Amino acid sequence: MTRVFWDVDTQVDFMWPDGKLYVPGAETIADNLGRLTDFAHANGIRIVASSDNHDPNDAELSDTPDFQDTFPPHCLRGTPGQARIPQTTLNNPLLIEPEAAASALPTLLENHAGDILFHKHWFDVFTNPHVSPVVEALSITDVVLYGVALDVCVACAVEGLLARHSALALTVVEDAVRGIDEDGRDAILGGWQARGVTITSTQAVLCPDKT
């Protein structure tokens, strides 16, 4: 069994109030994100992470966004807002761009013991064509997932895993996710739970024998 923690887009532009596409209240989960990151690194659990990495011409970006398919400019390549927050700093990440050569990945993965970071130019991580091949190459069977935004990028990650890798055990950490529209939180989490996703807390992940 291969267990990973899956960190969705915990980047400055989403997480902090002065970010370009701030997810309201995201800073309130930063401590839990840090606890999960530290726990993973202390216990030899690999973190698989995603990050928006935009240039101004990406189709997702718009000055007149609809907040469904298009959003205001954010996480532009090379800007401070594209970086991850300190609490979710990765350990020697292998960066996998959407444009990477698929033929090179097996050797890169075989020789890499650190975390994995997928860049993406669209909010759905599975638009990076290497995500599923990496899940399969690493024989991932158990995913503990958290990050932002619950109703956009987190939803795409969860739905993509359910559709493409339905055999793996999927857990969402409810006090380490935050949505743009928090009014829909219960419906989203409840819908996933009804489909077999485990909904749990940071404390239960870190101390399963004490919950």
N, C-alpha and C. Protein backbone atom coordinates (compact mmCIF):
# COMPACT_ATOMS: atom_id res chain seq x y z
N MET A 1 0.84 -1.20 0.00
CA MET A 1 0.00 0.00 0.00
C MET A 1 0.87 1.24 0.00
N THR A 2 0.61 2.19 -0.90
CA THR A 2 1.36 3.43 -0.99
C THR A 2 0.43 4.59 -0.65
N ARG A 3 0.73 5.23 0.47
CA ARG A 3 -0.07 6.35 0.93
C ARG A 3 0.63 7.66 0.61
N VAL A 4 -0.11 8.63 0.09
CA VAL A 4 0.42 9.97 -0.13
C VAL A 4 -0.53 11.00 0.45
N PHE A 5 0.02 12.16 0.78
CA PHE A 5 -0.78 13.34 1.07
C PHE A 5 -0.85 14.15 -0.21
N TRP A 6 -2.00 14.72 -0.51
CA TRP A 6 -2.23 15.43 -1.78
C TRP A 6 -2.61 16.87 -1.46
N ASP A 7 -1.72 17.77 -1.76
CA ASP A 7 -1.86 19.19 -1.43
C ASP A 7 -2.30 19.96 -2.67
N VAL A 8 -3.50 20.54 -2.61
CA VAL A 8 -4.06 21.25 -3.75
C VAL A 8 -3.85 22.76 -3.61
N ASP A 9 -2.92 23.30 -4.40
CA ASP A 9 -2.84 24.74 -4.67
C ASP A 9 -2.74 25.63 -3.44
N THR A 10 -1.97 25.26 -2.46
CA THR A 10 -1.84 26.10 -1.26
C THR A 10 -0.81 27.21 -1.54
N GLN A 11 -1.22 28.14 -2.39
CA GLN A 11 -0.34 29.18 -2.91
C GLN A 11 -0.74 30.55 -2.35
N VAL A 12 0.21 31.45 -2.35
CA VAL A 12 0.04 32.77 -1.74
C VAL A 12 -1.18 33.49 -2.30
N ASP A 13 -1.37 33.48 -3.60
CA ASP A 13 -2.49 34.22 -4.19
C ASP A 13 -3.85 33.70 -3.77
N PHE A 14 -3.93 32.45 -3.33
CA PHE A 14 -5.19 31.89 -2.84
C PHE A 14 -5.32 31.97 -1.32
N MET A 15 -4.19 31.86 -0.62
CA MET A 15 -4.24 31.62 0.81
C MET A 15 -4.24 32.88 1.67
N TRP A 16 -3.64 33.96 1.21
CA TRP A 16 -3.51 35.15 2.05
C TRP A 16 -4.48 36.24 1.61
N PRO A 17 -4.98 37.04 2.52
CA PRO A 17 -5.99 38.06 2.18
C PRO A 17 -5.54 39.06 1.11
N ASP A 18 -4.25 39.28 0.95
CA ASP A 18 -3.79 40.20 -0.08
C ASP A 18 -3.46 39.49 -1.39
N GLY A 19 -3.84 38.22 -1.50
CA GLY A 19 -3.58 37.46 -2.72
C GLY A 19 -4.49 37.90 -3.86
N LYS A 20 -4.07 37.58 -5.07
CA LYS A 20 -4.80 38.01 -6.27
C LYS A 20 -6.15 37.31 -6.42
N LEU A 21 -6.29 36.10 -5.87
CA LEU A 21 -7.56 35.37 -5.93
C LEU A 21 -7.79 34.69 -4.59
N TYR A 22 -7.85 35.53 -3.57
CA TYR A 22 -7.98 35.07 -2.19
C TYR A 22 -9.25 34.26 -1.98
N VAL A 23 -9.08 33.08 -1.39
CA VAL A 23 -10.21 32.25 -0.99
C VAL A 23 -10.59 32.67 0.43
N PRO A 24 -11.77 33.27 0.63
CA PRO A 24 -12.11 33.84 1.93
C PRO A 24 -11.91 32.84 3.08
N GLY A 25 -11.15 33.28 4.07
CA GLY A 25 -10.91 32.44 5.24
C GLY A 25 -9.82 31.40 5.06
N ALA A 26 -9.15 31.39 3.92
CA ALA A 26 -8.15 30.34 3.67
C ALA A 26 -7.02 30.38 4.69
N GLU A 27 -6.70 31.58 5.17
CA GLU A 27 -5.60 31.68 6.13
C GLU A 27 -5.91 30.94 7.43
N THR A 28 -7.18 30.70 7.71
CA THR A 28 -7.56 30.02 8.95
C THR A 28 -7.21 28.54 8.94
N ILE A 29 -6.93 27.97 7.78
CA ILE A 29 -6.54 26.56 7.73
C ILE A 29 -5.03 26.39 7.61
N ALA A 30 -4.28 27.49 7.60
CA ALA A 30 -2.84 27.41 7.38
C ALA A 30 -2.14 26.57 8.44
N ASP A 31 -2.55 26.71 9.71
CA ASP A 31 -1.91 25.92 10.76
C ASP A 31 -2.12 24.43 10.53
N ASN A 32 -3.33 24.04 10.17
CA ASN A 32 -3.58 22.63 9.89
C ASN A 32 -2.80 22.15 8.67
N LEU A 33 -2.69 22.99 7.67
CA LEU A 33 -1.88 22.63 6.51
C LEU A 33 -0.43 22.39 6.92
N GLY A 34 0.07 23.25 7.79
CA GLY A 34 1.43 23.07 8.28
C GLY A 34 1.60 21.79 9.08
N ARG A 35 0.61 21.47 9.90
CA ARG A 35 0.68 20.23 10.69
C ARG A 35 0.68 19.01 9.78
N LEU A 36 -0.14 19.03 8.75
CA LEU A 36 -0.18 17.90 7.82
C LEU A 36 1.13 17.77 7.06
N THR A 37 1.68 18.90 6.61
CA THR A 37 2.95 18.88 5.89
C THR A 37 4.07 18.34 6.77
N ASP A 38 4.16 18.85 7.98
CA ASP A 38 5.21 18.41 8.90
C ASP A 38 5.07 16.92 9.23
N PHE A 39 3.83 16.48 9.44
CA PHE A 39 3.60 15.07 9.75
C PHE A 39 4.04 14.18 8.59
N ALA A 40 3.68 14.57 7.40
CA ALA A 40 4.07 13.76 6.24
C ALA A 40 5.59 13.65 6.15
N HIS A 41 6.27 14.77 6.24
CA HIS A 41 7.73 14.75 6.11
C HIS A 41 8.40 13.99 7.25
N ALA A 42 7.83 14.08 8.45
CA ALA A 42 8.41 13.38 9.59
C ALA A 42 8.19 11.88 9.53
N ASN A 43 7.18 11.45 8.78
CA ASN A 43 6.82 10.04 8.75
C ASN A 43 7.06 9.38 7.40
N GLY A 44 7.84 10.01 6.56
CA GLY A 44 8.21 9.41 5.28
C GLY A 44 7.06 9.26 4.31
N ILE A 45 6.06 10.15 4.42
CA ILE A 45 4.91 10.12 3.52
C ILE A 45 5.15 11.15 2.41
N ARG A 46 5.13 10.70 1.19
CA ARG A 46 5.34 11.62 0.07
C ARG A 46 4.14 12.55 -0.10
N ILE A 47 4.42 13.81 -0.39
CA ILE A 47 3.37 14.77 -0.73
C ILE A 47 3.33 14.93 -2.24
N VAL A 48 2.15 14.74 -2.79
CA VAL A 48 1.88 15.05 -4.19
C VAL A 48 1.12 16.36 -4.19
N ALA A 49 1.63 17.36 -4.88
CA ALA A 49 1.04 18.70 -4.82
C ALA A 49 0.78 19.23 -6.22
N SER A 50 -0.14 20.19 -6.27
CA SER A 50 -0.39 20.91 -7.53
C SER A 50 -0.22 22.40 -7.27
N SER A 51 0.15 23.12 -8.33
CA SER A 51 0.24 24.58 -8.28
C SER A 51 -0.19 25.16 -9.61
N ASP A 52 -1.03 26.19 -9.54
CA ASP A 52 -1.27 26.99 -10.74
C ASP A 52 0.04 27.66 -11.14
N ASN A 53 0.29 27.71 -12.45
CA ASN A 53 1.49 28.34 -12.97
C ASN A 53 1.11 29.01 -14.28
N HIS A 54 0.56 30.23 -14.17
CA HIS A 54 -0.07 30.86 -15.31
C HIS A 54 0.85 31.84 -16.02
N ASP A 55 0.58 32.01 -17.32
CA ASP A 55 1.06 33.21 -18.00
C ASP A 55 -0.18 34.00 -18.42
N PRO A 56 -0.02 35.28 -18.74
CA PRO A 56 -1.20 36.15 -18.94
C PRO A 56 -2.15 35.69 -20.04
N ASN A 57 -1.68 34.84 -20.94
CA ASN A 57 -2.52 34.42 -22.06
C ASN A 57 -3.29 33.14 -21.80
N ASP A 58 -3.14 32.55 -20.62
CA ASP A 58 -3.85 31.31 -20.33
C ASP A 58 -5.37 31.53 -20.41
N ALA A 59 -6.07 30.52 -20.94
CA ALA A 59 -7.51 30.65 -21.20
C ALA A 59 -8.32 30.83 -19.92
N GLU A 60 -7.79 30.38 -18.79
CA GLU A 60 -8.52 30.51 -17.53
C GLU A 60 -8.61 31.96 -17.06
N LEU A 61 -7.69 32.80 -17.48
CA LEU A 61 -7.58 34.16 -16.96
C LEU A 61 -8.40 35.14 -17.78
N SER A 62 -9.10 36.03 -17.07
CA SER A 62 -9.94 37.01 -17.75
C SER A 62 -10.10 38.25 -16.89
N ASP A 63 -10.18 39.40 -17.54
CA ASP A 63 -10.48 40.64 -16.82
C ASP A 63 -11.97 40.78 -16.54
N THR A 64 -12.78 39.92 -17.18
CA THR A 64 -14.23 39.88 -16.91
C THR A 64 -14.61 38.42 -16.60
N PRO A 65 -14.12 37.90 -15.48
CA PRO A 65 -14.28 36.48 -15.19
C PRO A 65 -15.71 36.10 -14.82
N ASP A 66 -16.07 34.85 -15.12
CA ASP A 66 -17.38 34.35 -14.69
C ASP A 66 -17.28 33.51 -13.42
N PHE A 67 -16.08 33.27 -12.93
CA PHE A 67 -15.82 32.51 -11.71
C PHE A 67 -16.34 31.08 -11.81
N GLN A 68 -16.50 30.59 -13.01
CA GLN A 68 -16.80 29.18 -13.26
C GLN A 68 -15.72 28.59 -14.17
N ASP A 69 -15.58 29.18 -15.34
CA ASP A 69 -14.53 28.75 -16.26
C ASP A 69 -13.38 29.74 -16.35
N THR A 70 -13.62 30.96 -15.94
CA THR A 70 -12.58 31.99 -15.99
C THR A 70 -12.49 32.72 -14.66
N PHE A 71 -11.26 33.17 -14.36
CA PHE A 71 -10.98 33.82 -13.08
C PHE A 71 -10.04 35.00 -13.31
N PRO A 72 -9.99 35.96 -12.37
CA PRO A 72 -9.05 37.07 -12.53
C PRO A 72 -7.61 36.56 -12.58
N PRO A 73 -6.70 37.31 -13.19
CA PRO A 73 -5.30 36.90 -13.23
C PRO A 73 -4.76 36.58 -11.83
N HIS A 74 -4.06 35.47 -11.72
CA HIS A 74 -3.53 35.00 -10.44
C HIS A 74 -2.41 34.01 -10.70
N CYS A 75 -1.58 33.80 -9.69
CA CYS A 75 -0.50 32.80 -9.75
C CYS A 75 0.29 32.89 -11.05
N LEU A 76 0.62 34.12 -11.42
CA LEU A 76 1.40 34.32 -12.64
C LEU A 76 2.84 33.86 -12.41
N ARG A 77 3.37 33.18 -13.40
CA ARG A 77 4.70 32.59 -13.32
C ARG A 77 5.73 33.65 -12.91
N GLY A 78 6.51 33.33 -11.87
CA GLY A 78 7.57 34.21 -11.43
C GLY A 78 7.16 35.27 -10.44
N THR A 79 5.88 35.32 -10.09
CA THR A 79 5.42 36.32 -9.12
C THR A 79 5.38 35.73 -7.72
N PRO A 80 5.44 36.57 -6.68
CA PRO A 80 5.35 36.05 -5.31
C PRO A 80 4.07 35.27 -5.05
N GLY A 81 2.98 35.66 -5.71
CA GLY A 81 1.71 34.99 -5.49
C GLY A 81 1.66 33.57 -6.00
N GLN A 82 2.57 33.20 -6.88
CA GLN A 82 2.58 31.83 -7.42
C GLN A 82 3.23 30.85 -6.44
N ALA A 83 3.99 31.37 -5.49
CA ALA A 83 4.71 30.50 -4.55
C ALA A 83 3.76 29.84 -3.56
N ARG A 84 4.20 28.75 -2.98
CA ARG A 84 3.46 28.11 -1.91
C ARG A 84 3.69 28.87 -0.60
N ILE A 85 2.73 28.78 0.30
CA ILE A 85 2.91 29.43 1.60
C ILE A 85 3.96 28.64 2.39
N PRO A 86 4.61 29.27 3.37
CA PRO A 86 5.67 28.59 4.12
C PRO A 86 5.22 27.30 4.79
N GLN A 87 3.97 27.25 5.22
CA GLN A 87 3.47 26.07 5.93
C GLN A 87 3.44 24.82 5.05
N THR A 88 3.43 25.00 3.73
CA THR A 88 3.31 23.84 2.84
C THR A 88 4.53 23.70 1.93
N THR A 89 5.67 24.13 2.44
CA THR A 89 6.91 23.97 1.69
C THR A 89 7.17 22.49 1.42
N LEU A 90 7.49 22.18 0.18
CA LEU A 90 7.71 20.79 -0.21
C LEU A 90 9.15 20.37 0.02
N ASN A 91 9.36 19.07 0.13
CA ASN A 91 10.68 18.50 0.36
C ASN A 91 11.25 18.01 -0.96
N ASN A 92 12.24 18.73 -1.48
CA ASN A 92 12.94 18.32 -2.70
C ASN A 92 11.95 17.89 -3.79
N PRO A 93 11.04 18.79 -4.19
CA PRO A 93 9.99 18.36 -5.12
C PRO A 93 10.50 18.10 -6.53
N LEU A 94 9.98 17.05 -7.13
CA LEU A 94 10.17 16.81 -8.55
C LEU A 94 9.08 17.57 -9.28
N LEU A 95 9.45 18.60 -10.03
CA LEU A 95 8.49 19.43 -10.74
C LEU A 95 8.15 18.80 -12.08
N ILE A 96 6.85 18.59 -12.31
CA ILE A 96 6.38 17.98 -13.55
C ILE A 96 5.47 18.99 -14.26
N GLU A 97 5.98 19.54 -15.34
CA GLU A 97 5.21 20.49 -16.14
C GLU A 97 4.28 19.74 -17.09
N PRO A 98 3.16 20.37 -17.48
CA PRO A 98 2.28 19.72 -18.46
C PRO A 98 2.98 19.37 -19.76
N GLU A 99 3.99 20.16 -20.11
CA GLU A 99 4.70 19.95 -21.37
C GLU A 99 5.84 18.96 -21.27
N ALA A 100 6.06 18.37 -20.11
CA ALA A 100 7.18 17.45 -19.93
C ALA A 100 7.05 16.25 -20.86
N ALA A 101 8.18 15.69 -21.23
CA ALA A 101 8.19 14.50 -22.09
C ALA A 101 7.82 13.28 -21.28
N ALA A 102 6.78 12.59 -21.68
CA ALA A 102 6.31 11.42 -20.94
C ALA A 102 7.38 10.35 -20.86
N SER A 103 8.20 10.23 -21.86
CA SER A 103 9.22 9.18 -21.90
C SER A 103 10.26 9.33 -20.81
N ALA A 104 10.44 10.56 -20.32
CA ALA A 104 11.46 10.80 -19.29
C ALA A 104 10.97 10.52 -17.88
N LEU A 105 9.66 10.45 -17.69
CA LEU A 105 9.11 10.36 -16.33
C LEU A 105 9.49 9.09 -15.58
N PRO A 106 9.45 7.91 -16.19
CA PRO A 106 9.79 6.71 -15.41
C PRO A 106 11.16 6.78 -14.75
N THR A 107 12.16 7.25 -15.47
CA THR A 107 13.50 7.35 -14.90
C THR A 107 13.55 8.42 -13.82
N LEU A 108 12.90 9.56 -14.06
CA LEU A 108 12.87 10.62 -13.05
C LEU A 108 12.23 10.14 -11.77
N LEU A 109 11.11 9.44 -11.87
CA LEU A 109 10.41 8.95 -10.68
C LEU A 109 11.22 7.89 -9.96
N GLU A 110 11.85 7.02 -10.71
CA GLU A 110 12.63 5.93 -10.10
C GLU A 110 13.78 6.47 -9.27
N ASN A 111 14.33 7.59 -9.67
CA ASN A 111 15.50 8.15 -8.99
C ASN A 111 15.17 9.28 -8.03
N HIS A 112 13.89 9.45 -7.73
CA HIS A 112 13.48 10.57 -6.89
C HIS A 112 12.79 10.09 -5.63
N ALA A 113 13.25 10.59 -4.48
CA ALA A 113 12.67 10.18 -3.20
C ALA A 113 11.86 11.28 -2.54
N GLY A 114 11.83 12.48 -3.13
CA GLY A 114 11.13 13.60 -2.50
C GLY A 114 9.68 13.71 -2.93
N ASP A 115 9.14 14.89 -2.72
CA ASP A 115 7.76 15.16 -3.08
C ASP A 115 7.61 15.34 -4.59
N ILE A 116 6.36 15.42 -5.03
CA ILE A 116 6.02 15.61 -6.45
C ILE A 116 5.21 16.89 -6.56
N LEU A 117 5.52 17.73 -7.55
CA LEU A 117 4.75 18.95 -7.79
C LEU A 117 4.32 19.02 -9.24
N PHE A 118 3.01 19.05 -9.46
CA PHE A 118 2.45 19.22 -10.79
C PHE A 118 2.11 20.69 -11.02
N HIS A 119 2.68 21.27 -12.07
CA HIS A 119 2.22 22.58 -12.50
C HIS A 119 1.03 22.42 -13.44
N LYS A 120 0.18 23.44 -13.47
CA LYS A 120 -0.99 23.38 -14.34
C LYS A 120 -1.35 24.79 -14.81
N HIS A 121 -1.97 24.86 -15.98
CA HIS A 121 -2.37 26.13 -16.56
C HIS A 121 -3.89 26.31 -16.54
N TRP A 122 -4.56 25.37 -15.94
CA TRP A 122 -6.02 25.37 -15.82
C TRP A 122 -6.34 24.82 -14.44
N PHE A 123 -7.52 25.12 -13.91
CA PHE A 123 -7.78 24.77 -12.52
C PHE A 123 -7.87 23.27 -12.26
N ASP A 124 -8.13 22.48 -13.28
CA ASP A 124 -8.20 21.02 -13.12
C ASP A 124 -6.81 20.43 -13.24
N VAL A 125 -6.32 19.80 -12.17
CA VAL A 125 -4.97 19.23 -12.19
C VAL A 125 -4.81 18.17 -13.27
N PHE A 126 -5.91 17.51 -13.64
CA PHE A 126 -5.81 16.45 -14.64
C PHE A 126 -5.65 16.98 -16.06
N THR A 127 -5.65 18.32 -16.22
CA THR A 127 -5.24 18.86 -17.51
C THR A 127 -3.72 18.77 -17.68
N ASN A 128 -3.00 18.49 -16.62
CA ASN A 128 -1.61 18.06 -16.75
C ASN A 128 -1.67 16.57 -17.08
N PRO A 129 -1.27 16.17 -18.28
CA PRO A 129 -1.49 14.79 -18.72
C PRO A 129 -0.68 13.75 -17.98
N HIS A 130 0.22 14.20 -17.11
CA HIS A 130 1.10 13.25 -16.43
C HIS A 130 0.58 12.80 -15.06
N VAL A 131 -0.55 13.37 -14.62
CA VAL A 131 -1.02 13.07 -13.27
C VAL A 131 -1.39 11.59 -13.13
N SER A 132 -2.25 11.10 -13.97
CA SER A 132 -2.65 9.69 -13.86
C SER A 132 -1.48 8.73 -14.05
N PRO A 133 -0.61 8.94 -15.05
CA PRO A 133 0.55 8.06 -15.18
C PRO A 133 1.43 8.03 -13.93
N VAL A 134 1.58 9.17 -13.26
CA VAL A 134 2.39 9.20 -12.04
C VAL A 134 1.68 8.45 -10.91
N VAL A 135 0.37 8.66 -10.76
CA VAL A 135 -0.38 7.90 -9.75
C VAL A 135 -0.18 6.40 -9.95
N GLU A 136 -0.23 5.97 -11.18
CA GLU A 136 -0.06 4.55 -11.48
C GLU A 136 1.38 4.10 -11.29
N ALA A 137 2.33 4.91 -11.71
CA ALA A 137 3.74 4.53 -11.58
C ALA A 137 4.17 4.41 -10.13
N LEU A 138 3.60 5.26 -9.27
CA LEU A 138 3.93 5.21 -7.85
C LEU A 138 3.09 4.20 -7.08
N SER A 139 2.17 3.53 -7.78
CA SER A 139 1.29 2.53 -7.15
C SER A 139 0.55 3.11 -5.95
N ILE A 140 0.04 4.33 -6.13
CA ILE A 140 -0.67 4.99 -5.04
C ILE A 140 -2.01 4.30 -4.79
N THR A 141 -2.24 3.97 -3.53
CA THR A 141 -3.49 3.29 -3.16
C THR A 141 -4.31 4.07 -2.13
N ASP A 142 -3.70 5.10 -1.52
CA ASP A 142 -4.34 5.80 -0.41
C ASP A 142 -3.96 7.28 -0.50
N VAL A 143 -4.96 8.15 -0.66
CA VAL A 143 -4.72 9.58 -0.81
C VAL A 143 -5.43 10.34 0.31
N VAL A 144 -4.68 11.19 1.00
CA VAL A 144 -5.23 12.12 1.99
C VAL A 144 -5.11 13.52 1.39
N LEU A 145 -6.25 14.16 1.10
CA LEU A 145 -6.25 15.35 0.26
C LEU A 145 -6.77 16.57 1.01
N TYR A 146 -6.16 17.74 0.70
CA TYR A 146 -6.52 18.99 1.36
C TYR A 146 -6.05 20.16 0.49
N GLY A 147 -6.51 21.37 0.81
CA GLY A 147 -6.08 22.56 0.08
C GLY A 147 -7.23 23.46 -0.31
N VAL A 148 -7.02 24.23 -1.38
CA VAL A 148 -8.01 25.20 -1.85
C VAL A 148 -8.10 25.17 -3.37
N ALA A 149 -9.19 25.65 -3.91
CA ALA A 149 -10.45 25.96 -3.25
C ALA A 149 -11.35 24.73 -3.32
N LEU A 150 -12.07 24.48 -2.24
CA LEU A 150 -12.89 23.28 -2.14
C LEU A 150 -13.81 23.11 -3.34
N ASP A 151 -14.43 24.20 -3.79
CA ASP A 151 -15.45 24.12 -4.82
C ASP A 151 -14.90 24.31 -6.24
N VAL A 152 -13.57 24.40 -6.38
CA VAL A 152 -12.98 24.52 -7.71
C VAL A 152 -11.85 23.49 -7.85
N CYS A 153 -10.64 23.85 -7.45
CA CYS A 153 -9.49 22.98 -7.71
C CYS A 153 -9.51 21.71 -6.87
N VAL A 154 -9.95 21.81 -5.62
CA VAL A 154 -10.07 20.60 -4.80
C VAL A 154 -11.12 19.68 -5.41
N ALA A 155 -12.25 20.25 -5.83
CA ALA A 155 -13.30 19.45 -6.45
C ALA A 155 -12.81 18.75 -7.70
N CYS A 156 -12.04 19.45 -8.53
CA CYS A 156 -11.50 18.83 -9.74
C CYS A 156 -10.57 17.67 -9.40
N ALA A 157 -9.74 17.86 -8.38
CA ALA A 157 -8.82 16.78 -7.99
C ALA A 157 -9.59 15.56 -7.48
N VAL A 158 -10.56 15.79 -6.61
CA VAL A 158 -11.35 14.68 -6.06
C VAL A 158 -12.13 13.98 -7.16
N GLU A 159 -12.82 14.74 -7.99
CA GLU A 159 -13.62 14.14 -9.05
C GLU A 159 -12.72 13.40 -10.05
N GLY A 160 -11.55 13.94 -10.33
CA GLY A 160 -10.63 13.28 -11.23
C GLY A 160 -10.12 11.97 -10.67
N LEU A 161 -9.81 11.95 -9.39
CA LEU A 161 -9.35 10.70 -8.77
C LEU A 161 -10.47 9.67 -8.73
N LEU A 162 -11.68 10.11 -8.40
CA LEU A 162 -12.80 9.17 -8.37
C LEU A 162 -13.07 8.58 -9.75
N ALA A 163 -12.95 9.39 -10.78
CA ALA A 163 -13.26 8.92 -12.14
C ALA A 163 -12.16 8.03 -12.71
N ARG A 164 -10.90 8.36 -12.40
CA ARG A 164 -9.79 7.70 -13.06
C ARG A 164 -9.12 6.63 -12.21
N HIS A 165 -9.27 6.74 -10.87
CA HIS A 165 -8.56 5.84 -9.96
C HIS A 165 -9.50 5.43 -8.84
N SER A 166 -10.62 4.88 -9.21
CA SER A 166 -11.69 4.60 -8.25
C SER A 166 -11.32 3.55 -7.20
N ALA A 167 -10.28 2.77 -7.46
CA ALA A 167 -9.92 1.72 -6.51
C ALA A 167 -9.14 2.25 -5.31
N LEU A 168 -8.59 3.44 -5.41
CA LEU A 168 -7.80 3.93 -4.29
C LEU A 168 -8.69 4.46 -3.18
N ALA A 169 -8.18 4.45 -1.96
CA ALA A 169 -8.89 4.99 -0.80
C ALA A 169 -8.64 6.49 -0.75
N LEU A 170 -9.71 7.27 -0.75
CA LEU A 170 -9.60 8.73 -0.82
C LEU A 170 -10.19 9.36 0.44
N THR A 171 -9.40 10.21 1.07
CA THR A 171 -9.81 10.93 2.28
C THR A 171 -9.66 12.42 2.03
N VAL A 172 -10.66 13.21 2.43
CA VAL A 172 -10.59 14.66 2.38
C VAL A 172 -10.58 15.19 3.81
N VAL A 173 -9.64 16.07 4.10
CA VAL A 173 -9.49 16.62 5.45
C VAL A 173 -10.33 17.89 5.55
N GLU A 174 -11.46 17.80 6.22
CA GLU A 174 -12.47 18.86 6.15
C GLU A 174 -12.02 20.16 6.81
N ASP A 175 -11.15 20.11 7.80
CA ASP A 175 -10.68 21.36 8.42
C ASP A 175 -9.35 21.82 7.82
N ALA A 176 -9.02 21.29 6.65
CA ALA A 176 -7.84 21.73 5.90
C ALA A 176 -8.20 22.01 4.45
N VAL A 177 -9.50 22.30 4.22
CA VAL A 177 -9.97 22.76 2.91
C VAL A 177 -10.83 24.00 3.13
N ARG A 178 -10.87 24.83 2.12
CA ARG A 178 -11.69 26.04 2.19
C ARG A 178 -12.21 26.36 0.81
N GLY A 179 -13.49 26.75 0.73
CA GLY A 179 -14.11 27.03 -0.56
C GLY A 179 -14.31 28.51 -0.82
N ILE A 180 -14.46 28.85 -2.07
CA ILE A 180 -14.82 30.22 -2.43
C ILE A 180 -16.23 30.52 -1.91
N ASP A 181 -17.14 29.57 -2.09
CA ASP A 181 -18.50 29.69 -1.57
C ASP A 181 -18.68 28.65 -0.48
N GLU A 182 -18.47 29.06 0.75
CA GLU A 182 -18.55 28.12 1.87
C GLU A 182 -19.97 27.62 2.13
N ASP A 183 -20.97 28.31 1.57
CA ASP A 183 -22.35 27.85 1.75
C ASP A 183 -22.56 26.47 1.13
N GLY A 184 -21.75 26.11 0.16
CA GLY A 184 -21.91 24.81 -0.48
C GLY A 184 -21.06 23.71 0.12
N ARG A 185 -20.34 24.00 1.19
CA ARG A 185 -19.41 23.04 1.79
C ARG A 185 -20.09 21.71 2.14
N ASP A 186 -21.17 21.77 2.89
CA ASP A 186 -21.80 20.54 3.37
C ASP A 186 -22.29 19.67 2.22
N ALA A 187 -22.84 20.30 1.20
CA ALA A 187 -23.34 19.54 0.05
C ALA A 187 -22.19 18.86 -0.69
N ILE A 188 -21.08 19.55 -0.86
CA ILE A 188 -19.93 18.96 -1.55
C ILE A 188 -19.35 17.80 -0.76
N LEU A 189 -19.06 18.04 0.51
CA LEU A 189 -18.46 16.99 1.33
C LEU A 189 -19.42 15.81 1.51
N GLY A 190 -20.69 16.12 1.72
CA GLY A 190 -21.68 15.05 1.88
C GLY A 190 -21.84 14.23 0.63
N GLY A 191 -21.79 14.88 -0.53
CA GLY A 191 -21.88 14.15 -1.78
C GLY A 191 -20.72 13.21 -1.98
N TRP A 192 -19.52 13.66 -1.64
CA TRP A 192 -18.35 12.78 -1.76
C TRP A 192 -18.43 11.62 -0.76
N GLN A 193 -18.86 11.93 0.45
CA GLN A 193 -18.97 10.88 1.46
C GLN A 193 -19.94 9.79 1.00
N ALA A 194 -21.03 10.19 0.37
CA ALA A 194 -22.01 9.22 -0.12
C ALA A 194 -21.43 8.34 -1.23
N ARG A 195 -20.36 8.80 -1.85
CA ARG A 195 -19.71 8.03 -2.92
C ARG A 195 -18.47 7.29 -2.43
N GLY A 196 -18.28 7.24 -1.12
CA GLY A 196 -17.21 6.42 -0.57
C GLY A 196 -15.97 7.16 -0.12
N VAL A 197 -15.97 8.49 -0.24
CA VAL A 197 -14.83 9.27 0.23
C VAL A 197 -14.92 9.43 1.74
N THR A 198 -13.81 9.23 2.43
CA THR A 198 -13.76 9.45 3.87
C THR A 198 -13.56 10.93 4.15
N ILE A 199 -14.40 11.49 5.00
CA ILE A 199 -14.28 12.89 5.41
C ILE A 199 -13.80 12.88 6.86
N THR A 200 -12.67 13.53 7.11
CA THR A 200 -12.07 13.45 8.43
C THR A 200 -11.45 14.77 8.82
N SER A 201 -10.82 14.81 9.98
CA SER A 201 -10.19 16.03 10.49
C SER A 201 -8.67 15.88 10.49
N THR A 202 -8.00 17.01 10.63
CA THR A 202 -6.54 16.98 10.74
C THR A 202 -6.12 16.14 11.93
N GLN A 203 -6.76 16.33 13.05
CA GLN A 203 -6.38 15.58 14.25
C GLN A 203 -6.53 14.08 14.05
N ALA A 204 -7.57 13.67 13.34
CA ALA A 204 -7.77 12.24 13.10
C ALA A 204 -6.70 11.68 12.18
N VAL A 205 -6.21 12.47 11.26
CA VAL A 205 -5.12 12.03 10.39
C VAL A 205 -3.84 11.88 11.17
N LEU A 206 -3.56 12.85 12.03
CA LEU A 206 -2.29 12.86 12.76
C LEU A 206 -2.27 11.88 13.92
N CYS A 207 -3.41 11.69 14.55
CA CYS A 207 -3.49 10.81 15.72
C CYS A 207 -4.68 9.89 15.60
N PRO A 208 -4.67 8.95 14.67
CA PRO A 208 -5.85 8.12 14.42
C PRO A 208 -6.29 7.28 15.62
N ASP A 209 -5.36 6.98 16.52
CA ASP A 209 -5.71 6.13 17.67
C ASP A 209 -6.33 6.91 18.82
N LYS A 210 -6.39 8.25 18.68
CA LYS A 210 -6.90 9.08 19.76
C LYS A 210 -8.20 9.76 19.40
N THR A 211 -8.81 9.35 18.27
CA THR A 211 -10.07 9.98 17.84
C THR A 211 -11.21 9.01 17.93
